[in-house]
Amino acid sequence: EREGLLAPRSGAGLHGDWMFITRRGRS
């Protein structure tokens, strides 16, 4: 998360528990 390879999914709420793999992470 800190490196920007995971990010909170839109609508995940305040805790940001649900994530997606960022474009950088996919690479």
mmCIF file of all heavy atoms, coordinates in Angstrom:
data_MODEL
# 
_entry.id   MODEL 
# 
loop_
_atom_site.group_PDB 
_atom_site.id 
_atom_site.type_symbol 
_atom_site.label_atom_id 
_atom_site.label_alt_id 
_atom_site.label_comp_id 
_atom_site.label_asym_id 
_atom_site.label_entity_id 
_atom_site.label_seq_id 
_atom_site.pdbx_PDB_ins_code 
_atom_site.Cartn_x 
_atom_site.Cartn_y 
_atom_site.Cartn_z 
_atom_site.occupancy 
_atom_site.B_iso_or_equiv 
_atom_site.pdbx_formal_charge 
_atom_site.auth_seq_id 
_atom_site.auth_comp_id 
_atom_site.auth_asym_id 
_atom_site.auth_atom_id 
_atom_site.pdbx_PDB_model_num 
ATOM 1   N N   . GLU A 1 1  ? 0.838   -1.208 0.000   1.00 0.00 ? 1  GLU A N   1 
ATOM 2   C CA  . GLU A 1 1  ? 0.000   0.000  0.000   1.00 0.00 ? 1  GLU A CA  1 
ATOM 3   C C   . GLU A 1 1  ? 0.872   1.257  0.000   1.00 0.00 ? 1  GLU A C   1 
ATOM 4   O O   . GLU A 1 1  ? 0.619   2.208  -0.752  1.00 0.00 ? 1  GLU A O   1 
ATOM 5   C CB  . GLU A 1 1  ? -0.906  0.004  1.232   1.00 0.00 ? 1  GLU A CB  1 
ATOM 6   C CG  . GLU A 1 1  ? -2.037  -0.989 1.191   1.00 0.00 ? 1  GLU A CG  1 
ATOM 7   C CD  . GLU A 1 1  ? -2.989  -0.785 2.358   1.00 0.00 ? 1  GLU A CD  1 
ATOM 8   O OE1 . GLU A 1 1  ? -3.189  0.367  2.790   1.00 0.00 ? 1  GLU A OE1 1 
ATOM 9   O OE2 . GLU A 1 1  ? -3.538  -1.787 2.858   1.00 0.00 ? 1  GLU A OE2 1 
ATOM 10  N N   . ARG A 1 2  ? 1.871   1.264  0.856   1.00 0.00 ? 2  ARG A N   1 
ATOM 11  C CA  . ARG A 1 2  ? 2.729   2.448  0.980   1.00 0.00 ? 2  ARG A CA  1 
ATOM 12  C C   . ARG A 1 2  ? 3.445   2.775  -0.321  1.00 0.00 ? 2  ARG A C   1 
ATOM 13  O O   . ARG A 1 2  ? 3.650   3.944  -0.660  1.00 0.00 ? 2  ARG A O   1 
ATOM 14  C CB  . ARG A 1 2  ? 3.766   2.213  2.085   1.00 0.00 ? 2  ARG A CB  1 
ATOM 15  C CG  . ARG A 1 2  ? 4.546   3.460  2.483   1.00 0.00 ? 2  ARG A CG  1 
ATOM 16  C CD  . ARG A 1 2  ? 5.753   3.101  3.310   1.00 0.00 ? 2  ARG A CD  1 
ATOM 17  N NE  . ARG A 1 2  ? 6.775   2.457  2.491   1.00 0.00 ? 2  ARG A NE  1 
ATOM 18  C CZ  . ARG A 1 2  ? 7.860   1.860  2.976   1.00 0.00 ? 2  ARG A CZ  1 
ATOM 19  N NH1 . ARG A 1 2  ? 8.050   1.790  4.280   1.00 0.00 ? 2  ARG A NH1 1 
ATOM 20  N NH2 . ARG A 1 2  ? 8.753   1.319  2.170   1.00 0.00 ? 2  ARG A NH2 1 
ATOM 21  N N   . GLU A 1 3  ? 3.783   1.743  -1.086  1.00 0.00 ? 3  GLU A N   1 
ATOM 22  C CA  . GLU A 1 3  ? 4.492   1.939  -2.345  1.00 0.00 ? 3  GLU A CA  1 
ATOM 23  C C   . GLU A 1 3  ? 3.555   2.225  -3.520  1.00 0.00 ? 3  GLU A C   1 
ATOM 24  O O   . GLU A 1 3  ? 4.001   2.371  -4.657  1.00 0.00 ? 3  GLU A O   1 
ATOM 25  C CB  . GLU A 1 3  ? 5.353   0.712  -2.665  1.00 0.00 ? 3  GLU A CB  1 
ATOM 26  C CG  . GLU A 1 3  ? 6.480   0.488  -1.685  1.00 0.00 ? 3  GLU A CG  1 
ATOM 27  C CD  . GLU A 1 3  ? 7.488   1.625  -1.669  1.00 0.00 ? 3  GLU A CD  1 
ATOM 28  O OE1 . GLU A 1 3  ? 7.794   2.151  -2.757  1.00 0.00 ? 3  GLU A OE1 1 
ATOM 29  O OE2 . GLU A 1 3  ? 7.958   1.985  -0.574  1.00 0.00 ? 3  GLU A OE2 1 
ATOM 30  N N   . GLY A 1 4  ? 2.257   2.304  -3.250  1.00 0.00 ? 4  GLY A N   1 
ATOM 31  C CA  . GLY A 1 4  ? 1.310   2.618  -4.312  1.00 0.00 ? 4  GLY A CA  1 
ATOM 32  C C   . GLY A 1 4  ? 1.007   1.457  -5.231  1.00 0.00 ? 4  GLY A C   1 
ATOM 33  O O   . GLY A 1 4  ? 0.536   1.657  -6.352  1.00 0.00 ? 4  GLY A O   1 
ATOM 34  N N   . LEU A 1 5  ? 1.229   0.231  -4.771  1.00 0.00 ? 5  LEU A N   1 
ATOM 35  C CA  . LEU A 1 5  ? 0.953   -0.952 -5.584  1.00 0.00 ? 5  LEU A CA  1 
ATOM 36  C C   . LEU A 1 5  ? -0.432  -1.521 -5.295  1.00 0.00 ? 5  LEU A C   1 
ATOM 37  O O   . LEU A 1 5  ? -0.991  -2.276 -6.094  1.00 0.00 ? 5  LEU A O   1 
ATOM 38  C CB  . LEU A 1 5  ? 2.019   -2.012 -5.341  1.00 0.00 ? 5  LEU A CB  1 
ATOM 39  C CG  . LEU A 1 5  ? 3.463   -1.522 -5.573  1.00 0.00 ? 5  LEU A CG  1 
ATOM 40  C CD1 . LEU A 1 5  ? 4.463   -2.621 -5.264  1.00 0.00 ? 5  LEU A CD1 1 
ATOM 41  C CD2 . LEU A 1 5  ? 3.656   -1.007 -6.987  1.00 0.00 ? 5  LEU A CD2 1 
ATOM 42  N N   . LEU A 1 6  ? -0.995  -1.144 -4.151  1.00 0.00 ? 6  LEU A N   1 
ATOM 43  C CA  . LEU A 1 6  ? -2.384  -1.411 -3.800  1.00 0.00 ? 6  LEU A CA  1 
ATOM 44  C C   . LEU A 1 6  ? -3.027  -0.091 -3.404  1.00 0.00 ? 6  LEU A C   1 
ATOM 45  O O   . LEU A 1 6  ? -2.361  0.777  -2.845  1.00 0.00 ? 6  LEU A O   1 
ATOM 46  C CB  . LEU A 1 6  ? -2.486  -2.395 -2.623  1.00 0.00 ? 6  LEU A CB  1 
ATOM 47  C CG  . LEU A 1 6  ? -2.000  -3.830 -2.823  1.00 0.00 ? 6  LEU A CG  1 
ATOM 48  C CD1 . LEU A 1 6  ? -2.115  -4.601 -1.514  1.00 0.00 ? 6  LEU A CD1 1 
ATOM 49  C CD2 . LEU A 1 6  ? -2.795  -4.524 -3.915  1.00 0.00 ? 6  LEU A CD2 1 
ATOM 50  N N   . ALA A 1 7  ? -4.311  0.032  -3.675  1.00 0.00 ? 7  ALA A N   1 
ATOM 51  C CA  . ALA A 1 7  ? -5.022  1.261  -3.315  1.00 0.00 ? 7  ALA A CA  1 
ATOM 52  C C   . ALA A 1 7  ? -6.447  0.907  -2.912  1.00 0.00 ? 7  ALA A C   1 
ATOM 53  O O   . ALA A 1 7  ? -6.993  -0.119 -3.342  1.00 0.00 ? 7  ALA A O   1 
ATOM 54  C CB  . ALA A 1 7  ? -5.026  2.239  -4.494  1.00 0.00 ? 7  ALA A CB  1 
ATOM 55  N N   . PRO A 1 8  ? -7.085  1.754  -2.072  1.00 0.00 ? 8  PRO A N   1 
ATOM 56  C CA  . PRO A 1 8  ? -8.463  1.470  -1.639  1.00 0.00 ? 8  PRO A CA  1 
ATOM 57  C C   . PRO A 1 8  ? -9.430  1.498  -2.821  1.00 0.00 ? 8  PRO A C   1 
ATOM 58  O O   . PRO A 1 8  ? -9.341  2.366  -3.681  1.00 0.00 ? 8  PRO A O   1 
ATOM 59  C CB  . PRO A 1 8  ? -8.766  2.611  -0.653  1.00 0.00 ? 8  PRO A CB  1 
ATOM 60  C CG  . PRO A 1 8  ? -7.428  3.118  -0.225  1.00 0.00 ? 8  PRO A CG  1 
ATOM 61  C CD  . PRO A 1 8  ? -6.526  2.938  -1.405  1.00 0.00 ? 8  PRO A CD  1 
ATOM 62  N N   . ARG A 1 9  ? -10.345 0.538  -2.820  1.00 0.00 ? 9  ARG A N   1 
ATOM 63  C CA  . ARG A 1 9  ? -11.368 0.500  -3.861  1.00 0.00 ? 9  ARG A CA  1 
ATOM 64  C C   . ARG A 1 9  ? -12.394 1.605  -3.606  1.00 0.00 ? 9  ARG A C   1 
ATOM 65  O O   . ARG A 1 9  ? -12.732 1.908  -2.461  1.00 0.00 ? 9  ARG A O   1 
ATOM 66  C CB  . ARG A 1 9  ? -12.038 -0.876 -3.857  1.00 0.00 ? 9  ARG A CB  1 
ATOM 67  C CG  . ARG A 1 9  ? -12.987 -1.113 -5.013  1.00 0.00 ? 9  ARG A CG  1 
ATOM 68  C CD  . ARG A 1 9  ? -13.540 -2.525 -4.941  1.00 0.00 ? 9  ARG A CD  1 
ATOM 69  N NE  . ARG A 1 9  ? -12.492 -3.516 -5.099  1.00 0.00 ? 9  ARG A NE  1 
ATOM 70  C CZ  . ARG A 1 9  ? -11.976 -3.866 -6.270  1.00 0.00 ? 9  ARG A CZ  1 
ATOM 71  N NH1 . ARG A 1 9  ? -12.400 -3.293 -7.384  1.00 0.00 ? 9  ARG A NH1 1 
ATOM 72  N NH2 . ARG A 1 9  ? -11.028 -4.780 -6.328  1.00 0.00 ? 9  ARG A NH2 1 
ATOM 73  N N   . SER A 1 10 ? -12.877 2.217  -4.653  1.00 0.00 ? 10 SER A N   1 
ATOM 74  C CA  . SER A 1 10 ? -13.889 3.256  -4.526  1.00 0.00 ? 10 SER A CA  1 
ATOM 75  C C   . SER A 1 10 ? -15.105 2.704  -3.793  1.00 0.00 ? 10 SER A C   1 
ATOM 76  O O   . SER A 1 10 ? -15.582 1.603  -4.089  1.00 0.00 ? 10 SER A O   1 
ATOM 77  C CB  . SER A 1 10 ? -14.308 3.744  -5.920  1.00 0.00 ? 10 SER A CB  1 
ATOM 78  O OG  . SER A 1 10 ? -15.341 4.699  -5.827  1.00 0.00 ? 10 SER A OG  1 
ATOM 79  N N   . GLY A 1 11 ? -15.567 3.474  -2.784  1.00 0.00 ? 11 GLY A N   1 
ATOM 80  C CA  . GLY A 1 11 ? -16.709 3.031  -2.010  1.00 0.00 ? 11 GLY A CA  1 
ATOM 81  C C   . GLY A 1 11 ? -16.358 2.036  -0.931  1.00 0.00 ? 11 GLY A C   1 
ATOM 82  O O   . GLY A 1 11 ? -17.237 1.412  -0.338  1.00 0.00 ? 11 GLY A O   1 
ATOM 83  N N   . ALA A 1 12 ? -15.030 1.896  -0.649  1.00 0.00 ? 12 ALA A N   1 
ATOM 84  C CA  . ALA A 1 12 ? -14.611 0.902  0.350   1.00 0.00 ? 12 ALA A CA  1 
ATOM 85  C C   . ALA A 1 12 ? -14.893 1.354  1.770   1.00 0.00 ? 12 ALA A C   1 
ATOM 86  O O   . ALA A 1 12 ? -14.778 0.577  2.706   1.00 0.00 ? 12 ALA A O   1 
ATOM 87  C CB  . ALA A 1 12 ? -13.120 0.605  0.198   1.00 0.00 ? 12 ALA A CB  1 
ATOM 88  N N   . GLY A 1 13 ? -15.251 2.620  1.947   1.00 0.00 ? 13 GLY A N   1 
ATOM 89  C CA  . GLY A 1 13 ? -15.532 3.103  3.289   1.00 0.00 ? 13 GLY A CA  1 
ATOM 90  C C   . GLY A 1 13 ? -14.311 3.727  3.933   1.00 0.00 ? 13 GLY A C   1 
ATOM 91  O O   . GLY A 1 13 ? -13.226 3.773  3.363   1.00 0.00 ? 13 GLY A O   1 
ATOM 92  N N   . LEU A 1 14 ? -14.489 4.185  5.138   1.00 0.00 ? 14 LEU A N   1 
ATOM 93  C CA  . LEU A 1 14 ? -13.431 4.920  5.825   1.00 0.00 ? 14 LEU A CA  1 
ATOM 94  C C   . LEU A 1 14 ? -12.213 4.062  6.113   1.00 0.00 ? 14 LEU A C   1 
ATOM 95  O O   . LEU A 1 14 ? -11.096 4.545  6.166   1.00 0.00 ? 14 LEU A O   1 
ATOM 96  C CB  . LEU A 1 14 ? -13.976 5.505  7.138   1.00 0.00 ? 14 LEU A CB  1 
ATOM 97  C CG  . LEU A 1 14 ? -15.053 6.583  6.994   1.00 0.00 ? 14 LEU A CG  1 
ATOM 98  C CD1 . LEU A 1 14 ? -15.553 7.005  8.374   1.00 0.00 ? 14 LEU A CD1 1 
ATOM 99  C CD2 . LEU A 1 14 ? -14.511 7.789  6.237   1.00 0.00 ? 14 LEU A CD2 1 
ATOM 100 N N   . HIS A 1 15 ? -12.404 2.780  6.314   1.00 0.00 ? 15 HIS A N   1 
ATOM 101 C CA  . HIS A 1 15 ? -11.283 1.926  6.716   1.00 0.00 ? 15 HIS A CA  1 
ATOM 102 C C   . HIS A 1 15 ? -10.455 1.441  5.534   1.00 0.00 ? 15 HIS A C   1 
ATOM 103 O O   . HIS A 1 15 ? -9.340  0.966  5.708   1.00 0.00 ? 15 HIS A O   1 
ATOM 104 C CB  . HIS A 1 15 ? -11.800 0.732  7.522   1.00 0.00 ? 15 HIS A CB  1 
ATOM 105 C CG  . HIS A 1 15 ? -12.500 1.127  8.787   1.00 0.00 ? 15 HIS A CG  1 
ATOM 106 N ND1 . HIS A 1 15 ? -11.847 1.708  9.849   1.00 0.00 ? 15 HIS A ND1 1 
ATOM 107 C CD2 . HIS A 1 15 ? -13.801 1.041  9.133   1.00 0.00 ? 15 HIS A CD2 1 
ATOM 108 C CE1 . HIS A 1 15 ? -12.720 1.955  10.825  1.00 0.00 ? 15 HIS A CE1 1 
ATOM 109 N NE2 . HIS A 1 15 ? -13.907 1.563  10.418  1.00 0.00 ? 15 HIS A NE2 1 
ATOM 110 N N   . GLY A 1 16 ? -10.983 1.564  4.333   1.00 0.00 ? 16 GLY A N   1 
ATOM 111 C CA  . GLY A 1 16 ? -10.197 1.176  3.152   1.00 0.00 ? 16 GLY A CA  1 
ATOM 112 C C   . GLY A 1 16 ? -9.763  -0.277 3.156   1.00 0.00 ? 16 GLY A C   1 
ATOM 113 O O   . GLY A 1 16 ? -8.672  -0.610 2.717   1.00 0.00 ? 16 GLY A O   1 
ATOM 114 N N   . ASP A 1 17 ? -10.633 -1.181 3.685   1.00 0.00 ? 17 ASP A N   1 
ATOM 115 C CA  . ASP A 1 17 ? -10.250 -2.584 3.793   1.00 0.00 ? 17 ASP A CA  1 
ATOM 116 C C   . ASP A 1 17 ? -10.257 -3.292 2.447   1.00 0.00 ? 17 ASP A C   1 
ATOM 117 O O   . ASP A 1 17 ? -9.558  -4.283 2.264   1.00 0.00 ? 17 ASP A O   1 
ATOM 118 C CB  . ASP A 1 17 ? -11.190 -3.317 4.754   1.00 0.00 ? 17 ASP A CB  1 
ATOM 119 C CG  . ASP A 1 17 ? -11.060 -2.788 6.182   1.00 0.00 ? 17 ASP A CG  1 
ATOM 120 O OD1 . ASP A 1 17 ? -10.021 -2.187 6.480   1.00 0.00 ? 17 ASP A OD1 1 
ATOM 121 O OD2 . ASP A 1 17 ? -11.999 -2.983 6.966   1.00 0.00 ? 17 ASP A OD2 1 
ATOM 122 N N   . TRP A 1 18 ? -11.080 -2.843 1.496   1.00 0.00 ? 18 TRP A N   1 
ATOM 123 C CA  . TRP A 1 18 ? -11.165 -3.472 0.182   1.00 0.00 ? 18 TRP A CA  1 
ATOM 124 C C   . TRP A 1 18 ? -10.281 -2.724 -0.792  1.00 0.00 ? 18 TRP A C   1 
ATOM 125 O O   . TRP A 1 18 ? -10.361 -1.503 -0.916  1.00 0.00 ? 18 TRP A O   1 
ATOM 126 C CB  . TRP A 1 18 ? -12.607 -3.499 -0.303  1.00 0.00 ? 18 TRP A CB  1 
ATOM 127 C CG  . TRP A 1 18 ? -13.458 -4.377 0.564   1.00 0.00 ? 18 TRP A CG  1 
ATOM 128 C CD1 . TRP A 1 18 ? -14.210 -4.002 1.636   1.00 0.00 ? 18 TRP A CD1 1 
ATOM 129 C CD2 . TRP A 1 18 ? -13.594 -5.788 0.458   1.00 0.00 ? 18 TRP A CD2 1 
ATOM 130 N NE1 . TRP A 1 18 ? -14.812 -5.083 2.203   1.00 0.00 ? 18 TRP A NE1 1 
ATOM 131 C CE2 . TRP A 1 18 ? -14.464 -6.206 1.506   1.00 0.00 ? 18 TRP A CE2 1 
ATOM 132 C CE3 . TRP A 1 18 ? -13.083 -6.751 -0.416  1.00 0.00 ? 18 TRP A CE3 1 
ATOM 133 C CZ2 . TRP A 1 18 ? -14.814 -7.536 1.697   1.00 0.00 ? 18 TRP A CZ2 1 
ATOM 134 C CZ3 . TRP A 1 18 ? -13.448 -8.071 -0.232  1.00 0.00 ? 18 TRP A CZ3 1 
ATOM 135 C CH2 . TRP A 1 18 ? -14.294 -8.454 0.816   1.00 0.00 ? 18 TRP A CH2 1 
ATOM 136 N N   . MET A 1 19 ? -9.430  -3.468 -1.476  1.00 0.00 ? 19 MET A N   1 
ATOM 137 C CA  . MET A 1 19 ? -8.368  -2.845 -2.263  1.00 0.00 ? 19 MET A CA  1 
ATOM 138 C C   . MET A 1 19 ? -8.399  -3.331 -3.704  1.00 0.00 ? 19 MET A C   1 
ATOM 139 O O   . MET A 1 19 ? -9.054  -4.327 -4.030  1.00 0.00 ? 19 MET A O   1 
ATOM 140 C CB  . MET A 1 19 ? -6.996  -3.187 -1.652  1.00 0.00 ? 19 MET A CB  1 
ATOM 141 C CG  . MET A 1 19 ? -6.887  -3.019 -0.148  1.00 0.00 ? 19 MET A CG  1 
ATOM 142 S SD  . MET A 1 19 ? -6.986  -1.291 0.387   1.00 0.00 ? 19 MET A SD  1 
ATOM 143 C CE  . MET A 1 19 ? -5.407  -0.693 -0.191  1.00 0.00 ? 19 MET A CE  1 
ATOM 144 N N   . PHE A 1 20 ? -7.673  -2.620 -4.554  1.00 0.00 ? 20 PHE A N   1 
ATOM 145 C CA  . PHE A 1 20 ? -7.421  -3.110 -5.907  1.00 0.00 ? 20 PHE A CA  1 
ATOM 146 C C   . PHE A 1 20 ? -5.933  -2.948 -6.213  1.00 0.00 ? 20 PHE A C   1 
ATOM 147 O O   . PHE A 1 20 ? -5.226  -2.156 -5.578  1.00 0.00 ? 20 PHE A O   1 
ATOM 148 C CB  . PHE A 1 20 ? -8.275  -2.363 -6.944  1.00 0.00 ? 20 PHE A CB  1 
ATOM 149 C CG  . PHE A 1 20 ? -7.876  -0.916 -7.162  1.00 0.00 ? 20 PHE A CG  1 
ATOM 150 C CD1 . PHE A 1 20 ? -7.015  -0.562 -8.198  1.00 0.00 ? 20 PHE A CD1 1 
ATOM 151 C CD2 . PHE A 1 20 ? -8.381  0.089  -6.347  1.00 0.00 ? 20 PHE A CD2 1 
ATOM 152 C CE1 . PHE A 1 20 ? -6.646  0.761  -8.410  1.00 0.00 ? 20 PHE A CE1 1 
ATOM 153 C CE2 . PHE A 1 20 ? -8.024  1.416  -6.547  1.00 0.00 ? 20 PHE A CE2 1 
ATOM 154 C CZ  . PHE A 1 20 ? -7.167  1.753  -7.584  1.00 0.00 ? 20 PHE A CZ  1 
ATOM 155 N N   . ILE A 1 21 ? -5.459  -3.743 -7.174  1.00 0.00 ? 21 ILE A N   1 
ATOM 156 C CA  . ILE A 1 21 ? -4.063  -3.646 -7.597  1.00 0.00 ? 21 ILE A CA  1 
ATOM 157 C C   . ILE A 1 21 ? -3.942  -2.476 -8.562  1.00 0.00 ? 21 ILE A C   1 
ATOM 158 O O   . ILE A 1 21 ? -4.682  -2.391 -9.545  1.00 0.00 ? 21 ILE A O   1 
ATOM 159 C CB  . ILE A 1 21 ? -3.602  -4.944 -8.288  1.00 0.00 ? 21 ILE A CB  1 
ATOM 160 C CG1 . ILE A 1 21 ? -3.844  -6.150 -7.380  1.00 0.00 ? 21 ILE A CG1 1 
ATOM 161 C CG2 . ILE A 1 21 ? -2.127  -4.864 -8.661  1.00 0.00 ? 21 ILE A CG2 1 
ATOM 162 C CD1 . ILE A 1 21 ? -3.626  -7.484 -8.055  1.00 0.00 ? 21 ILE A CD1 1 
ATOM 163 N N   . THR A 1 22 ? -3.046  -1.558 -8.283  1.00 0.00 ? 22 THR A N   1 
ATOM 164 C CA  . THR A 1 22 ? -2.892  -0.379 -9.128  1.00 0.00 ? 22 THR A CA  1 
ATOM 165 C C   . THR A 1 22 ? -2.240  -0.747 -10.465 1.00 0.00 ? 22 THR A C   1 
ATOM 166 O O   . THR A 1 22 ? -1.744  -1.862 -10.644 1.00 0.00 ? 22 THR A O   1 
ATOM 167 C CB  . THR A 1 22 ? -2.032  0.685  -8.434  1.00 0.00 ? 22 THR A CB  1 
ATOM 168 O OG1 . THR A 1 22 ? -0.699  0.165  -8.260  1.00 0.00 ? 22 THR A OG1 1 
ATOM 169 C CG2 . THR A 1 22 ? -2.602  1.061  -7.067  1.00 0.00 ? 22 THR A CG2 1 
ATOM 170 N N   . ARG A 1 23 ? -2.247  0.195  -11.388 1.00 0.00 ? 23 ARG A N   1 
ATOM 171 C CA  . ARG A 1 23 ? -1.605  -0.048 -12.686 1.00 0.00 ? 23 ARG A CA  1 
ATOM 172 C C   . ARG A 1 23 ? -0.129  -0.376 -12.505 1.00 0.00 ? 23 ARG A C   1 
ATOM 173 O O   . ARG A 1 23 ? 0.411   -1.260 -13.175 1.00 0.00 ? 23 ARG A O   1 
ATOM 174 C CB  . ARG A 1 23 ? -1.781  1.175  -13.591 1.00 0.00 ? 23 ARG A CB  1 
ATOM 175 C CG  . ARG A 1 23 ? -3.200  1.344  -14.119 1.00 0.00 ? 23 ARG A CG  1 
ATOM 176 C CD  . ARG A 1 23 ? -3.381  2.667  -14.801 1.00 0.00 ? 23 ARG A CD  1 
ATOM 177 N NE  . ARG A 1 23 ? -3.301  3.770  -13.852 1.00 0.00 ? 23 ARG A NE  1 
ATOM 178 C CZ  . ARG A 1 23 ? -3.313  5.061  -14.198 1.00 0.00 ? 23 ARG A CZ  1 
ATOM 179 N NH1 . ARG A 1 23 ? -3.366  5.407  -15.473 1.00 0.00 ? 23 ARG A NH1 1 
ATOM 180 N NH2 . ARG A 1 23 ? -3.254  6.005  -13.284 1.00 0.00 ? 23 ARG A NH2 1 
ATOM 181 N N   . ARG A 1 24 ? 0.508   0.326  -11.584 1.00 0.00 ? 24 ARG A N   1 
ATOM 182 C CA  . ARG A 1 24 ? 1.917   0.012  -11.313 1.00 0.00 ? 24 ARG A CA  1 
ATOM 183 C C   . ARG A 1 24 ? 2.050   -1.392 -10.747 1.00 0.00 ? 24 ARG A C   1 
ATOM 184 O O   . ARG A 1 24 ? 2.953   -2.147 -11.107 1.00 0.00 ? 24 ARG A O   1 
ATOM 185 C CB  . ARG A 1 24 ? 2.508   1.034  -10.345 1.00 0.00 ? 24 ARG A CB  1 
ATOM 186 C CG  . ARG A 1 24 ? 3.956   0.775  -9.968  1.00 0.00 ? 24 ARG A CG  1 
ATOM 187 C CD  . ARG A 1 24 ? 4.497   1.848  -9.050  1.00 0.00 ? 24 ARG A CD  1 
ATOM 188 N NE  . ARG A 1 24 ? 4.644   3.110  -9.752  1.00 0.00 ? 24 ARG A NE  1 
ATOM 189 C CZ  . ARG A 1 24 ? 4.982   4.259  -9.164  1.00 0.00 ? 24 ARG A CZ  1 
ATOM 190 N NH1 . ARG A 1 24 ? 5.198   4.292  -7.857  1.00 0.00 ? 24 ARG A NH1 1 
ATOM 191 N NH2 . ARG A 1 24 ? 5.113   5.357  -9.863  1.00 0.00 ? 24 ARG A NH2 1 
ATOM 192 N N   . GLY A 1 25 ? 1.150   -1.762 -9.849  1.00 0.00 ? 25 GLY A N   1 
ATOM 193 C CA  . GLY A 1 25 ? 1.181   -3.102 -9.268  1.00 0.00 ? 25 GLY A CA  1 
ATOM 194 C C   . GLY A 1 25 ? 0.954   -4.178 -10.307 1.00 0.00 ? 25 GLY A C   1 
ATOM 195 O O   . GLY A 1 25 ? 1.556   -5.252 -10.260 1.00 0.00 ? 25 GLY A O   1 
ATOM 196 N N   . ARG A 1 26 ? 0.058   -3.910 -11.289 1.00 0.00 ? 26 ARG A N   1 
ATOM 197 C CA  . ARG A 1 26 ? -0.193  -4.872 -12.354 1.00 0.00 ? 26 ARG A CA  1 
ATOM 198 C C   . ARG A 1 26 ? 1.041   -5.094 -13.225 1.00 0.00 ? 26 ARG A C   1 
ATOM 199 O O   . ARG A 1 26 ? 1.217   -6.159 -13.811 1.00 0.00 ? 26 ARG A O   1 
ATOM 200 C CB  . ARG A 1 26 ? -1.347  -4.374 -13.233 1.00 0.00 ? 26 ARG A CB  1 
ATOM 201 C CG  . ARG A 1 26 ? -2.715  -4.468 -12.595 1.00 0.00 ? 26 ARG A CG  1 
ATOM 202 C CD  . ARG A 1 26 ? -3.161  -5.880 -12.510 1.00 0.00 ? 26 ARG A CD  1 
ATOM 203 N NE  . ARG A 1 26 ? -4.544  -5.989 -12.042 1.00 0.00 ? 26 ARG A NE  1 
ATOM 204 C CZ  . ARG A 1 26 ? -5.083  -7.111 -11.615 1.00 0.00 ? 26 ARG A CZ  1 
ATOM 205 N NH1 . ARG A 1 26 ? -4.359  -8.212 -11.577 1.00 0.00 ? 26 ARG A NH1 1 
ATOM 206 N NH2 . ARG A 1 26 ? -6.332  -7.144 -11.202 1.00 0.00 ? 26 ARG A NH2 1 
ATOM 207 N N   . SER A 1 27 ? 1.883   -4.072 -13.321 1.00 0.00 ? 27 SER A N   1 
ATOM 208 C CA  . SER A 1 27 ? 3.066   -4.192 -14.182 1.00 0.00 ? 27 SER A CA  1 
ATOM 209 C C   . SER A 1 27 ? 4.165   -5.039 -13.547 1.00 0.00 ? 27 SER A C   1 
ATOM 210 O O   . SER A 1 27 ? 5.114   -5.432 -14.219 1.00 0.00 ? 27 SER A O   1 
ATOM 211 C CB  . SER A 1 27 ? 3.626   -2.795 -14.509 1.00 0.00 ? 27 SER A CB  1 
ATOM 212 O OG  . SER A 1 27 ? 4.228   -2.201 -13.369 1.00 0.00 ? 27 SER A OG  1 
# 
